[in-house]
Amino acid sequence: MKGESLKDLAKLYNTSPEAIKNVNRMKENRIAPGRHLLIPVGLNEKTPDKGYMTPDRSGRRQEILYRVRRGETLVKIAKEHEVRVSDIRAWNKGLGKKVRAGQKIKLVVNVDQI
């Protein structure tokens, strides 16, 4: 959204500006207009069980908020992030059969592959 800063986004999603920069490989604090960002969602004691995020052989796992781009499908998003469509549905209760551009969905991804 226009005028948002990394600090604003970090506060909104209970994470840190540094985490957002790291996940998106940003060198500056400035957010380019129209840029899609991956947001690592902060965890707290009110968060339900995150057993699916425990580290495994594929590396460190991180929950992110992903904004769907025009033309993307759940299959395409799943393939791009090396997860299953059924996992995306489990992380996003009530998700319909289709996603639309601009929609935000939770993904749990391997941090080393971002």
PDB file of N, CA and C in Angstrom:
ATOM      1  N   MET A   1       0.836  -1.169   0.000  1.00  0.00           N
ATOM      2  CA  MET A   1       0.000   0.000   0.000  1.00  0.00           C
ATOM      3  C   MET A   1       0.886   1.239   0.000  1.00  0.00           C
ATOM      4  N   LYS A   2       0.437   2.292  -0.640  1.00  0.00           N
ATOM      5  CA  LYS A   2       1.235   3.505  -0.748  1.00  0.00           C
ATOM      6  C   LYS A   2       1.580   4.063   0.633  1.00  0.00           C
ATOM      7  N   GLY A   3       2.842   4.407   0.795  1.00  0.00           N
ATOM      8  CA  GLY A   3       3.305   5.017   2.027  1.00  0.00           C
ATOM      9  C   GLY A   3       3.690   4.037   3.122  1.00  0.00           C
ATOM     10  N   GLU A   4       3.548   2.735   2.876  1.00  0.00           N
ATOM     11  CA  GLU A   4       3.917   1.761   3.889  1.00  0.00           C
ATOM     12  C   GLU A   4       5.435   1.647   3.979  1.00  0.00           C
ATOM     13  N   SER A   5       5.898   1.435   5.176  1.00  0.00           N
ATOM     14  CA  SER A   5       7.326   1.246   5.389  1.00  0.00           C
ATOM     15  C   SER A   5       7.569  -0.181   5.883  1.00  0.00           C
ATOM     16  N   LEU A   6       8.817  -0.588   5.867  1.00  0.00           N
ATOM     17  CA  LEU A   6       9.149  -1.905   6.406  1.00  0.00           C
ATOM     18  C   LEU A   6       8.749  -1.997   7.874  1.00  0.00           C
ATOM     19  N   LYS A   7       8.931  -0.915   8.575  1.00  0.00           N
ATOM     20  CA  LYS A   7       8.581  -0.886   9.994  1.00  0.00           C
ATOM     21  C   LYS A   7       7.076  -1.091  10.174  1.00  0.00           C
ATOM     22  N   ASP A   8       6.267  -0.438   9.341  1.00  0.00           N
ATOM     23  CA  ASP A   8       4.807  -0.589   9.411  1.00  0.00           C
ATOM     24  C   ASP A   8       4.397  -2.032   9.139  1.00  0.00           C
ATOM     25  N   LEU A   9       4.972  -2.612   8.080  1.00  0.00           N
ATOM     26  CA  LEU A   9       4.644  -3.994   7.721  1.00  0.00           C
ATOM     27  C   LEU A   9       5.075  -4.963   8.818  1.00  0.00           C
ATOM     28  N   ALA A  10       6.248  -4.733   9.368  1.00  0.00           N
ATOM     29  CA  ALA A  10       6.758  -5.606  10.425  1.00  0.00           C
ATOM     30  C   ALA A  10       5.832  -5.577  11.644  1.00  0.00           C
ATOM     31  N   LYS A  11       5.397  -4.408  12.018  1.00  0.00           N
ATOM     32  CA  LYS A  11       4.507  -4.271  13.170  1.00  0.00           C
ATOM     33  C   LYS A  11       3.170  -4.960  12.892  1.00  0.00           C
ATOM     34  N   LEU A  12       2.647  -4.776  11.700  1.00  0.00           N
ATOM     35  CA  LEU A  12       1.357  -5.354  11.316  1.00  0.00           C
ATOM     36  C   LEU A  12       1.387  -6.879  11.368  1.00  0.00           C
ATOM     37  N   TYR A  13       2.507  -7.483  10.967  1.00  0.00           N
ATOM     38  CA  TYR A  13       2.599  -8.938  10.889  1.00  0.00           C
ATOM     39  C   TYR A  13       3.463  -9.563  11.988  1.00  0.00           C
ATOM     40  N   ASN A  14       3.758  -8.804  13.035  1.00  0.00           N
ATOM     41  CA  ASN A  14       4.483  -9.310  14.190  1.00  0.00           C
ATOM     42  C   ASN A  14       5.826  -9.940  13.789  1.00  0.00           C
ATOM     43  N   THR A  15       6.585  -9.188  13.029  1.00  0.00           N
ATOM     44  CA  THR A  15       7.905  -9.632  12.611  1.00  0.00           C
ATOM     45  C   THR A  15       8.847  -8.432  12.702  1.00  0.00           C
ATOM     46  N   SER A  16       9.989  -8.487  12.081  1.00  0.00           N
ATOM     47  CA  SER A  16      10.932  -7.367  12.136  1.00  0.00           C
ATOM     48  C   SER A  16      11.250  -6.877  10.727  1.00  0.00           C
ATOM     49  N   PRO A  17      11.613  -5.588  10.603  1.00  0.00           N
ATOM     50  CA  PRO A  17      12.019  -5.085   9.292  1.00  0.00           C
ATOM     51  C   PRO A  17      13.199  -5.868   8.718  1.00  0.00           C
ATOM     52  N   GLU A  18      14.117  -6.288   9.590  1.00  0.00           N
ATOM     53  CA  GLU A  18      15.280  -7.043   9.135  1.00  0.00           C
ATOM     54  C   GLU A  18      14.869  -8.394   8.541  1.00  0.00           C
ATOM     55  N   ALA A  19      13.878  -9.039   9.148  1.00  0.00           N
ATOM     56  CA  ALA A  19      13.408 -10.327   8.638  1.00  0.00           C
ATOM     57  C   ALA A  19      12.795 -10.159   7.250  1.00  0.00           C
ATOM     58  N   ILE A  20      12.031  -9.092   7.063  1.00  0.00           N
ATOM     59  CA  ILE A  20      11.431  -8.822   5.756  1.00  0.00           C
ATOM     60  C   ILE A  20      12.525  -8.577   4.728  1.00  0.00           C
ATOM     61  N   LYS A  21      13.524  -7.787   5.097  1.00  0.00           N
ATOM     62  CA  LYS A  21      14.639  -7.514   4.187  1.00  0.00           C
ATOM     63  C   LYS A  21      15.375  -8.796   3.819  1.00  0.00           C
ATOM     64  N   ASN A  22      15.646  -9.644   4.802  1.00  0.00           N
ATOM     65  CA  ASN A  22      16.379 -10.889   4.553  1.00  0.00           C
ATOM     66  C   ASN A  22      15.618 -11.818   3.622  1.00  0.00           C
ATOM     67  N   VAL A  23      14.357 -12.033   3.886  1.00  0.00           N
ATOM     68  CA  VAL A  23      13.549 -12.956   3.083  1.00  0.00           C
ATOM     69  C   VAL A  23      13.432 -12.468   1.640  1.00  0.00           C
ATOM     70  N   ASN A  24      13.391 -11.143   1.464  1.00  0.00           N
ATOM     71  CA  ASN A  24      13.224 -10.574   0.127  1.00  0.00           C
ATOM     72  C   ASN A  24      14.543 -10.144  -0.507  1.00  0.00           C
ATOM     73  N   ARG A  25      15.657 -10.455   0.163  1.00  0.00           N
ATOM     74  CA  ARG A  25      16.998 -10.101  -0.330  1.00  0.00           C
ATOM     75  C   ARG A  25      17.102  -8.615  -0.687  1.00  0.00           C
ATOM     76  N   MET A  26      16.601  -7.779   0.223  1.00  0.00           N
ATOM     77  CA  MET A  26      16.633  -6.327   0.012  1.00  0.00           C
ATOM     78  C   MET A  26      17.890  -5.758   0.644  1.00  0.00           C
ATOM     79  N   LYS A  27      18.476  -4.788  -0.025  1.00  0.00           N
ATOM     80  CA  LYS A  27      19.655  -4.111   0.520  1.00  0.00           C
ATOM     81  C   LYS A  27      19.264  -2.804   1.195  1.00  0.00           C
ATOM     82  N   GLU A  28      18.172  -2.204   0.721  1.00  0.00           N
ATOM     83  CA  GLU A  28      17.722  -0.913   1.258  1.00  0.00           C
ATOM     84  C   GLU A  28      16.422  -1.079   2.025  1.00  0.00           C
ATOM     85  N   ASN A  29      16.067  -0.067   2.809  1.00  0.00           N
ATOM     86  CA  ASN A  29      14.809  -0.065   3.538  1.00  0.00           C
ATOM     87  C   ASN A  29      13.644   0.409   2.677  1.00  0.00           C
ATOM     88  N   ARG A  30      13.945   0.940   1.525  1.00  0.00           N
ATOM     89  CA  ARG A  30      12.923   1.512   0.647  1.00  0.00           C
ATOM     90  C   ARG A  30      12.156   0.403  -0.070  1.00  0.00           C
ATOM     91  N   ILE A  31      10.841   0.536  -0.114  1.00  0.00           N
ATOM     92  CA  ILE A  31       9.998  -0.429  -0.819  1.00  0.00           C
ATOM     93  C   ILE A  31       9.597   0.193  -2.147  1.00  0.00           C
ATOM     94  N   ALA A  32       9.944  -0.453  -3.234  1.00  0.00           N
ATOM     95  CA  ALA A  32       9.599   0.045  -4.565  1.00  0.00           C
ATOM     96  C   ALA A  32       8.089  -0.098  -4.789  1.00  0.00           C
ATOM     97  N   PRO A  33       7.439   0.912  -5.346  1.00  0.00           N
ATOM     98  CA  PRO A  33       6.001   0.827  -5.612  1.00  0.00           C
ATOM     99  C   PRO A  33       5.672  -0.380  -6.488  1.00  0.00           C
ATOM    100  N   GLY A  34       4.637  -1.112  -6.096  1.00  0.00           N
ATOM    101  CA  GLY A  34       4.193  -2.259  -6.872  1.00  0.00           C
ATOM    102  C   GLY A  34       4.966  -3.539  -6.618  1.00  0.00           C
ATOM    103  N   ARG A  35       5.983  -3.477  -5.774  1.00  0.00           N
ATOM    104  CA  ARG A  35       6.791  -4.666  -5.503  1.00  0.00           C
ATOM    105  C   ARG A  35       6.020  -5.631  -4.610  1.00  0.00           C
ATOM    106  N   HIS A  36       6.093  -6.908  -4.943  1.00  0.00           N
ATOM    107  CA  HIS A  36       5.504  -7.952  -4.104  1.00  0.00           C
ATOM    108  C   HIS A  36       6.549  -8.380  -3.091  1.00  0.00           C
ATOM    109  N   LEU A  37       6.139  -8.456  -1.846  1.00  0.00           N
ATOM    110  CA  LEU A  37       7.060  -8.857  -0.787  1.00  0.00           C
ATOM    111  C   LEU A  37       6.585 -10.127  -0.109  1.00  0.00           C
ATOM    112  N   LEU A  38       7.526 -10.961   0.276  1.00  0.00           N
ATOM    113  CA  LEU A  38       7.236 -12.084   1.145  1.00  0.00           C
ATOM    114  C   LEU A  38       7.347 -11.556   2.565  1.00  0.00           C
ATOM    115  N   ILE A  39       6.357 -11.847   3.397  1.00  0.00           N
ATOM    116  CA  ILE A  39       6.360 -11.362   4.772  1.00  0.00           C
ATOM    117  C   ILE A  39       6.480 -12.553   5.704  1.00  0.00           C
ATOM    118  N   PRO A  40       7.609 -12.677   6.428  1.00  0.00           N
ATOM    119  CA  PRO A  40       7.717 -13.751   7.419  1.00  0.00           C
ATOM    120  C   PRO A  40       6.816 -13.404   8.597  1.00  0.00           C
ATOM    121  N   VAL A  41       5.846 -14.239   8.855  1.00  0.00           N
ATOM    122  CA  VAL A  41       4.854 -13.956   9.883  1.00  0.00           C
ATOM    123  C   VAL A  41       5.422 -14.334  11.231  1.00  0.00           C
ATOM    124  N   GLY A  42       5.395 -13.389  12.178  1.00  0.00           N
ATOM    125  CA  GLY A  42       5.921 -13.638  13.513  1.00  0.00           C
ATOM    126  C   GLY A  42       5.047 -14.607  14.274  1.00  0.00           C
ATOM    127  N   LEU A  43       5.657 -15.377  15.123  1.00  0.00           N
ATOM    128  CA  LEU A  43       4.931 -16.334  15.941  1.00  0.00           C
ATOM    129  C   LEU A  43       4.864 -15.826  17.367  1.00  0.00           C
ATOM    130  N   ASN A  44       3.741 -16.108  18.023  1.00  0.00           N
ATOM    131  CA  ASN A  44       3.617 -15.760  19.431  1.00  0.00           C
ATOM    132  C   ASN A  44       2.854 -16.854  20.151  1.00  0.00           C
ATOM    133  N   GLU A  45       2.646 -16.685  21.440  1.00  0.00           N
ATOM    134  CA  GLU A  45       2.020 -17.737  22.224  1.00  0.00           C
ATOM    135  C   GLU A  45       0.557 -17.967  21.842  1.00  0.00           C
ATOM    136  N   LYS A  46      -0.078 -17.054  21.154  1.00  0.00           N
ATOM    137  CA  LYS A  46      -1.474 -17.210  20.747  1.00  0.00           C
ATOM    138  C   LYS A  46      -1.600 -17.987  19.435  1.00  0.00           C
ATOM    139  N   THR A  47      -0.479 -18.249  18.791  1.00  0.00           N
ATOM    140  CA  THR A  47      -0.489 -18.941  17.507  1.00  0.00           C
ATOM    141  C   THR A  47      -0.749 -20.425  17.728  1.00  0.00           C
ATOM    142  N   PRO A  48      -1.641 -21.023  16.930  1.00  0.00           N
ATOM    143  CA  PRO A  48      -1.872 -22.462  17.072  1.00  0.00           C
ATOM    144  C   PRO A  48      -0.629 -23.277  16.748  1.00  0.00           C
ATOM    145  N   ASP A  49      -0.722 -24.570  16.978  1.00  0.00           N
ATOM    146  CA  ASP A  49       0.404 -25.478  16.759  1.00  0.00           C
ATOM    147  C   ASP A  49       1.047 -25.260  15.398  1.00  0.00           C
ATOM    148  N   LYS A  50       2.345 -25.111  15.392  1.00  0.00           N
ATOM    149  CA  LYS A  50       3.096 -24.896  14.151  1.00  0.00           C
ATOM    150  C   LYS A  50       4.028 -26.071  13.906  1.00  0.00           C
ATOM    151  N   GLY A  51       3.599 -27.269  14.244  1.00  0.00           N
ATOM    152  CA  GLY A  51       4.422 -28.448  14.077  1.00  0.00           C
ATOM    153  C   GLY A  51       4.915 -28.632  12.654  1.00  0.00           C
ATOM    154  N   TYR A  52       4.125 -28.177  11.694  1.00  0.00           N
ATOM    155  CA  TYR A  52       4.527 -28.318  10.299  1.00  0.00           C
ATOM    156  C   TYR A  52       5.680 -27.407   9.932  1.00  0.00           C
ATOM    157  N   MET A  53       6.084 -26.516  10.838  1.00  0.00           N
ATOM    158  CA  MET A  53       7.174 -25.587  10.541  1.00  0.00           C
ATOM    159  C   MET A  53       8.502 -26.044  11.127  1.00  0.00           C
ATOM    160  N   THR A  54       8.522 -27.187  11.787  1.00  0.00           N
ATOM    161  CA  THR A  54       9.768 -27.619  12.392  1.00  0.00           C
ATOM    162  C   THR A  54      10.802 -27.915  11.321  1.00  0.00           C
ATOM    163  N   PRO A  55      12.063 -27.630  11.620  1.00  0.00           N
ATOM    164  CA  PRO A  55      13.100 -27.889  10.631  1.00  0.00           C
ATOM    165  C   PRO A  55      13.138 -29.368  10.256  1.00  0.00           C
ATOM    166  N   ASP A  56      13.438 -29.638   9.011  1.00  0.00           N
ATOM    167  CA  ASP A  56      13.576 -31.009   8.548  1.00  0.00           C
ATOM    168  C   ASP A  56      14.763 -31.085   7.607  1.00  0.00           C
ATOM    169  N   ARG A  57      14.868 -32.170   6.879  1.00  0.00           N
ATOM    170  CA  ARG A  57      16.014 -32.343   5.992  1.00  0.00           C
ATOM    171  C   ARG A  57      16.100 -31.280   4.914  1.00  0.00           C
ATOM    172  N   SER A  58      14.987 -30.660   4.585  1.00  0.00           N
ATOM    173  CA  SER A  58      15.007 -29.678   3.501  1.00  0.00           C
ATOM    174  C   SER A  58      15.426 -28.286   3.966  1.00  0.00           C
ATOM    175  N   GLY A  59      15.657 -28.098   5.255  1.00  0.00           N
ATOM    176  CA  GLY A  59      16.120 -26.800   5.734  1.00  0.00           C
ATOM    177  C   GLY A  59      15.144 -26.132   6.681  1.00  0.00           C
ATOM    178  N   ARG A  60      15.394 -24.867   6.968  1.00  0.00           N
ATOM    179  CA  ARG A  60      14.547 -24.107   7.888  1.00  0.00           C
ATOM    180  C   ARG A  60      13.246 -23.730   7.202  1.00  0.00           C
ATOM    181  N   ARG A  61      12.140 -23.858   7.920  1.00  0.00           N
ATOM    182  CA  ARG A  61      10.827 -23.533   7.388  1.00  0.00           C
ATOM    183  C   ARG A  61      10.359 -22.216   8.001  1.00  0.00           C
ATOM    184  N   GLN A  62       9.682 -21.398   7.199  1.00  0.00           N
ATOM    185  CA  GLN A  62       9.188 -20.106   7.671  1.00  0.00           C
ATOM    186  C   GLN A  62       7.813 -19.862   7.082  1.00  0.00           C
ATOM    187  N   GLU A  63       6.892 -19.439   7.924  1.00  0.00           N
ATOM    188  CA  GLU A  63       5.570 -19.061   7.448  1.00  0.00           C
ATOM    189  C   GLU A  63       5.678 -17.661   6.846  1.00  0.00           C
ATOM    190  N   ILE A  64       5.134 -17.508   5.646  1.00  0.00           N
ATOM    191  CA  ILE A  64       5.148 -16.201   4.985  1.00  0.00           C
ATOM    192  C   ILE A  64       3.744 -15.863   4.518  1.00  0.00           C
ATOM    193  N   LEU A  65       3.508 -14.608   4.286  1.00  0.00           N
ATOM    194  CA  LEU A  65       2.270 -14.145   3.687  1.00  0.00           C
ATOM    195  C   LEU A  65       2.594 -13.834   2.237  1.00  0.00           C
ATOM    196  N   TYR A  66       1.925 -14.526   1.328  1.00  0.00           N
ATOM    197  CA  TYR A  66       2.233 -14.431  -0.095  1.00  0.00           C
ATOM    198  C   TYR A  66       1.067 -13.759  -0.816  1.00  0.00           C
ATOM    199  N   ARG A  67       1.376 -12.779  -1.643  1.00  0.00           N
ATOM    200  CA  ARG A  67       0.348 -12.104  -2.439  1.00  0.00           C
ATOM    201  C   ARG A  67       0.313 -12.744  -3.824  1.00  0.00           C
ATOM    202  N   VAL A  68      -0.866 -13.251  -4.192  1.00  0.00           N
ATOM    203  CA  VAL A  68      -1.053 -13.932  -5.470  1.00  0.00           C
ATOM    204  C   VAL A  68      -0.916 -12.924  -6.609  1.00  0.00           C
ATOM    205  N   ARG A  69      -0.161 -13.314  -7.637  1.00  0.00           N
ATOM    206  CA  ARG A  69       0.029 -12.468  -8.818  1.00  0.00           C
ATOM    207  C   ARG A  69      -0.958 -12.872  -9.901  1.00  0.00           C
ATOM    208  N   ARG A  70      -1.192 -11.970 -10.827  1.00  0.00           N
ATOM    209  CA  ARG A  70      -2.117 -12.216 -11.922  1.00  0.00           C
ATOM    210  C   ARG A  70      -1.687 -13.471 -12.692  1.00  0.00           C
ATOM    211  N   GLY A  71      -2.642 -14.329 -12.973  1.00  0.00           N
ATOM    212  CA  GLY A  71      -2.388 -15.529 -13.745  1.00  0.00           C
ATOM    213  C   GLY A  71      -1.916 -16.730 -12.942  1.00  0.00           C
ATOM    214  N   GLU A  72      -1.661 -16.559 -11.649  1.00  0.00           N
ATOM    215  CA  GLU A  72      -1.191 -17.678 -10.838  1.00  0.00           C
ATOM    216  C   GLU A  72      -2.351 -18.563 -10.398  1.00  0.00           C
ATOM    217  N   THR A  73      -2.049 -19.830 -10.241  1.00  0.00           N
ATOM    218  CA  THR A  73      -3.000 -20.808  -9.723  1.00  0.00           C
ATOM    219  C   THR A  73      -2.385 -21.457  -8.495  1.00  0.00           C
ATOM    220  N   LEU A  74      -3.206 -22.182  -7.737  1.00  0.00           N
ATOM    221  CA  LEU A  74      -2.665 -22.887  -6.582  1.00  0.00           C
ATOM    222  C   LEU A  74      -1.598 -23.891  -6.995  1.00  0.00           C
ATOM    223  N   VAL A  75      -1.812 -24.546  -8.119  1.00  0.00           N
ATOM    224  CA  VAL A  75      -0.834 -25.525  -8.608  1.00  0.00           C
ATOM    225  C   VAL A  75       0.498 -24.835  -8.917  1.00  0.00           C
ATOM    226  N   LYS A  76       0.438 -23.711  -9.600  1.00  0.00           N
ATOM    227  CA  LYS A  76       1.653 -22.982  -9.958  1.00  0.00           C
ATOM    228  C   LYS A  76       2.384 -22.474  -8.703  1.00  0.00           C
ATOM    229  N   ILE A  77       1.623 -21.936  -7.754  1.00  0.00           N
ATOM    230  CA  ILE A  77       2.215 -21.427  -6.510  1.00  0.00           C
ATOM    231  C   ILE A  77       2.857 -22.575  -5.733  1.00  0.00           C
ATOM    232  N   ALA A  78       2.152 -23.705  -5.650  1.00  0.00           N
ATOM    233  CA  ALA A  78       2.680 -24.866  -4.930  1.00  0.00           C
ATOM    234  C   ALA A  78       3.976 -25.356  -5.562  1.00  0.00           C
ATOM    235  N   LYS A  79       3.991 -25.440  -6.882  1.00  0.00           N
ATOM    236  CA  LYS A  79       5.186 -25.920  -7.582  1.00  0.00           C
ATOM    237  C   LYS A  79       6.351 -24.951  -7.376  1.00  0.00           C
ATOM    238  N   GLU A  80       6.075 -23.656  -7.468  1.00  0.00           N
ATOM    239  CA  GLU A  80       7.123 -22.640  -7.321  1.00  0.00           C
ATOM    240  C   GLU A  80       7.760 -22.672  -5.929  1.00  0.00           C
ATOM    241  N   HIS A  81       6.951 -22.980  -4.910  1.00  0.00           N
ATOM    242  CA  HIS A  81       7.447 -22.949  -3.532  1.00  0.00           C
ATOM    243  C   HIS A  81       7.699 -24.346  -2.957  1.00  0.00           C
ATOM    244  N   GLU A  82       7.620 -25.357  -3.836  1.00  0.00           N
ATOM    245  CA  GLU A  82       7.911 -26.737  -3.457  1.00  0.00           C
ATOM    246  C   GLU A  82       7.083 -27.204  -2.269  1.00  0.00           C
ATOM    247  N   VAL A  83       5.767 -26.956  -2.353  1.00  0.00           N
ATOM    248  CA  VAL A  83       4.811 -27.443  -1.373  1.00  0.00           C
ATOM    249  C   VAL A  83       3.660 -28.103  -2.132  1.00  0.00           C
ATOM    250  N   ARG A  84       2.756 -28.720  -1.427  1.00  0.00           N
ATOM    251  CA  ARG A  84       1.602 -29.351  -2.063  1.00  0.00           C
ATOM    252  C   ARG A  84       0.391 -28.423  -1.991  1.00  0.00           C
ATOM    253  N   VAL A  85      -0.503 -28.537  -2.951  1.00  0.00           N
ATOM    254  CA  VAL A  85      -1.739 -27.753  -2.936  1.00  0.00           C
ATOM    255  C   VAL A  85      -2.515 -28.073  -1.662  1.00  0.00           C
ATOM    256  N   SER A  86      -2.521 -29.334  -1.259  1.00  0.00           N
ATOM    257  CA  SER A  86      -3.238 -29.718  -0.029  1.00  0.00           C
ATOM    258  C   SER A  86      -2.649 -29.016   1.195  1.00  0.00           C
ATOM    259  N   ASP A  87      -1.337 -28.775   1.200  1.00  0.00           N
ATOM    260  CA  ASP A  87      -0.717 -28.029   2.300  1.00  0.00           C
ATOM    261  C   ASP A  87      -1.203 -26.585   2.299  1.00  0.00           C
ATOM    262  N   ILE A  88      -1.241 -25.975   1.118  1.00  0.00           N
ATOM    263  CA  ILE A  88      -1.708 -24.585   1.032  1.00  0.00           C
ATOM    264  C   ILE A  88      -3.136 -24.484   1.562  1.00  0.00           C
ATOM    265  N   ARG A  89      -3.979 -25.440   1.210  1.00  0.00           N
ATOM    266  CA  ARG A  89      -5.366 -25.442   1.702  1.00  0.00           C
ATOM    267  C   ARG A  89      -5.407 -25.610   3.219  1.00  0.00           C
ATOM    268  N   ALA A  90      -4.536 -26.452   3.774  1.00  0.00           N
ATOM    269  CA  ALA A  90      -4.501 -26.663   5.222  1.00  0.00           C
ATOM    270  C   ALA A  90      -4.059 -25.396   5.952  1.00  0.00           C
ATOM    271  N   TRP A  91      -3.109 -24.669   5.381  1.00  0.00           N
ATOM    272  CA  TRP A  91      -2.620 -23.447   6.018  1.00  0.00           C
ATOM    273  C   TRP A  91      -3.600 -22.292   5.882  1.00  0.00           C
ATOM    274  N   ASN A  92      -4.530 -22.388   4.936  1.00  0.00           N
ATOM    275  CA  ASN A  92      -5.476 -21.307   4.643  1.00  0.00           C
ATOM    276  C   ASN A  92      -6.895 -21.854   4.694  1.00  0.00           C
ATOM    277  N   LYS A  93      -7.405 -22.046   5.889  1.00  0.00           N
ATOM    278  CA  LYS A  93      -8.750 -22.585   6.071  1.00  0.00           C
ATOM    279  C   LYS A  93      -9.752 -21.740   5.290  1.00  0.00           C
ATOM    280  N   GLY A  94     -10.668 -22.400   4.598  1.00  0.00           N
ATOM    281  CA  GLY A  94     -11.703 -21.697   3.855  1.00  0.00           C
ATOM    282  C   GLY A  94     -11.274 -21.206   2.483  1.00  0.00           C
ATOM    283  N   LEU A  95     -10.086 -21.581   2.046  1.00  0.00           N
ATOM    284  CA  LEU A  95      -9.600 -21.161   0.729  1.00  0.00           C
ATOM    285  C   LEU A  95     -10.413 -21.868  -0.348  1.00  0.00           C
ATOM    286  N   GLY A  96     -10.899 -21.116  -1.318  1.00  0.00           N
ATOM    287  CA  GLY A  96     -11.676 -21.690  -2.412  1.00  0.00           C
ATOM    288  C   GLY A  96     -10.814 -22.478  -3.374  1.00  0.00           C
ATOM    289  N   LYS A  97     -11.440 -22.957  -4.448  1.00  0.00           N
ATOM    290  CA  LYS A  97     -10.711 -23.736  -5.446  1.00  0.00           C
ATOM    291  C   LYS A  97      -9.768 -22.865  -6.260  1.00  0.00           C
ATOM    292  N   LYS A  98     -10.100 -21.590  -6.384  1.00  0.00           N
ATOM    293  CA  LYS A  98      -9.277 -20.669  -7.168  1.00  0.00           C
ATOM    294  C   LYS A  98      -8.789 -19.534  -6.288  1.00  0.00           C
ATOM    295  N   VAL A  99      -7.656 -18.960  -6.673  1.00  0.00           N
ATOM    296  CA  VAL A  99      -7.144 -17.762  -6.019  1.00  0.00           C
ATOM    297  C   VAL A  99      -7.211 -16.621  -7.024  1.00  0.00           C
ATOM    298  N   ARG A 100      -7.223 -15.409  -6.523  1.00  0.00           N
ATOM    299  CA  ARG A 100      -7.293 -14.254  -7.415  1.00  0.00           C
ATOM    300  C   ARG A 100      -6.105 -13.325  -7.161  1.00  0.00           C
ATOM    301  N   ALA A 101      -5.750 -12.582  -8.168  1.00  0.00           N
ATOM    302  CA  ALA A 101      -4.630 -11.637  -8.063  1.00  0.00           C
ATOM    303  C   ALA A 101      -4.873 -10.685  -6.899  1.00  0.00           C
ATOM    304  N   GLY A 102      -3.831 -10.485  -6.109  1.00  0.00           N
ATOM    305  CA  GLY A 102      -3.915  -9.585  -4.959  1.00  0.00           C
ATOM    306  C   GLY A 102      -4.299 -10.283  -3.666  1.00  0.00           C
ATOM    307  N   GLN A 103      -4.828 -11.486  -3.766  1.00  0.00           N
ATOM    308  CA  GLN A 103      -5.220 -12.238  -2.581  1.00  0.00           C
ATOM    309  C   GLN A 103      -3.969 -12.620  -1.792  1.00  0.00           C
ATOM    310  N   LYS A 104      -4.061 -12.593  -0.470  1.00  0.00           N
ATOM    311  CA  LYS A 104      -2.939 -12.963   0.383  1.00  0.00           C
ATOM    312  C   LYS A 104      -3.212 -14.333   0.982  1.00  0.00           C
ATOM    313  N   ILE A 105      -2.211 -15.203   0.869  1.00  0.00           N
ATOM    314  CA  ILE A 105      -2.330 -16.543   1.435  1.00  0.00           C
ATOM    315  C   ILE A 105      -1.081 -16.865   2.234  1.00  0.00           C
ATOM    316  N   LYS A 106      -1.240 -17.755   3.217  1.00  0.00           N
ATOM    317  CA  LYS A 106      -0.099 -18.200   4.010  1.00  0.00           C
ATOM    318  C   LYS A 106       0.581 -19.346   3.289  1.00  0.00           C
ATOM    319  N   LEU A 107       1.892 -19.321   3.313  1.00  0.00           N
ATOM    320  CA  LEU A 107       2.706 -20.417   2.807  1.00  0.00           C
ATOM    321  C   LEU A 107       3.768 -20.731   3.843  1.00  0.00           C
ATOM    322  N   VAL A 108       4.186 -21.966   3.903  1.00  0.00           N
ATOM    323  CA  VAL A 108       5.305 -22.349   4.752  1.00  0.00           C
ATOM    324  C   VAL A 108       6.382 -22.837   3.803  1.00  0.00           C
ATOM    325  N   VAL A 109       7.464 -22.070   3.727  1.00  0.00           N
ATOM    326  CA  VAL A 109       8.487 -22.328   2.725  1.00  0.00           C
ATOM    327  C   VAL A 109       9.842 -22.585   3.353  1.00  0.00           C
ATOM    328  N   ASN A 110      10.710 -23.182   2.565  1.00  0.00           N
ATOM    329  CA  ASN A 110      12.087 -23.409   2.977  1.00  0.00           C
ATOM    330  C   ASN A 110      12.815 -22.081   2.820  1.00  0.00           C
ATOM    331  N   VAL A 111      13.290 -21.513   3.920  1.00  0.00           N
ATOM    332  CA  VAL A 111      13.938 -20.204   3.917  1.00  0.00           C
ATOM    333  C   VAL A 111      15.171 -20.202   3.011  1.00  0.00           C
ATOM    334  N   ASP A 112      15.864 -21.313   2.916  1.00  0.00           N
ATOM    335  CA  ASP A 112      17.083 -21.372   2.111  1.00  0.00           C
ATOM    336  C   ASP A 112      16.800 -21.285   0.623  1.00  0.00           C
ATOM    337  N   GLN A 113      15.546 -21.488   0.207  1.00  0.00           N
ATOM    338  CA  GLN A 113      15.199 -21.452  -1.212  1.00  0.00           C
ATOM    339  C   GLN A 113      14.550 -20.155  -1.626  1.00  0.00           C
ATOM    340  N   ILE A 114      14.348 -19.241  -0.706  1.00  0.00           N
ATOM    341  CA  ILE A 114      13.702 -17.961  -1.033  1.00  0.00           C
ATOM    342  C   ILE A 114      14.686 -17.054  -1.718  1.00  0.00           C
TER     343      ILE A 114
END
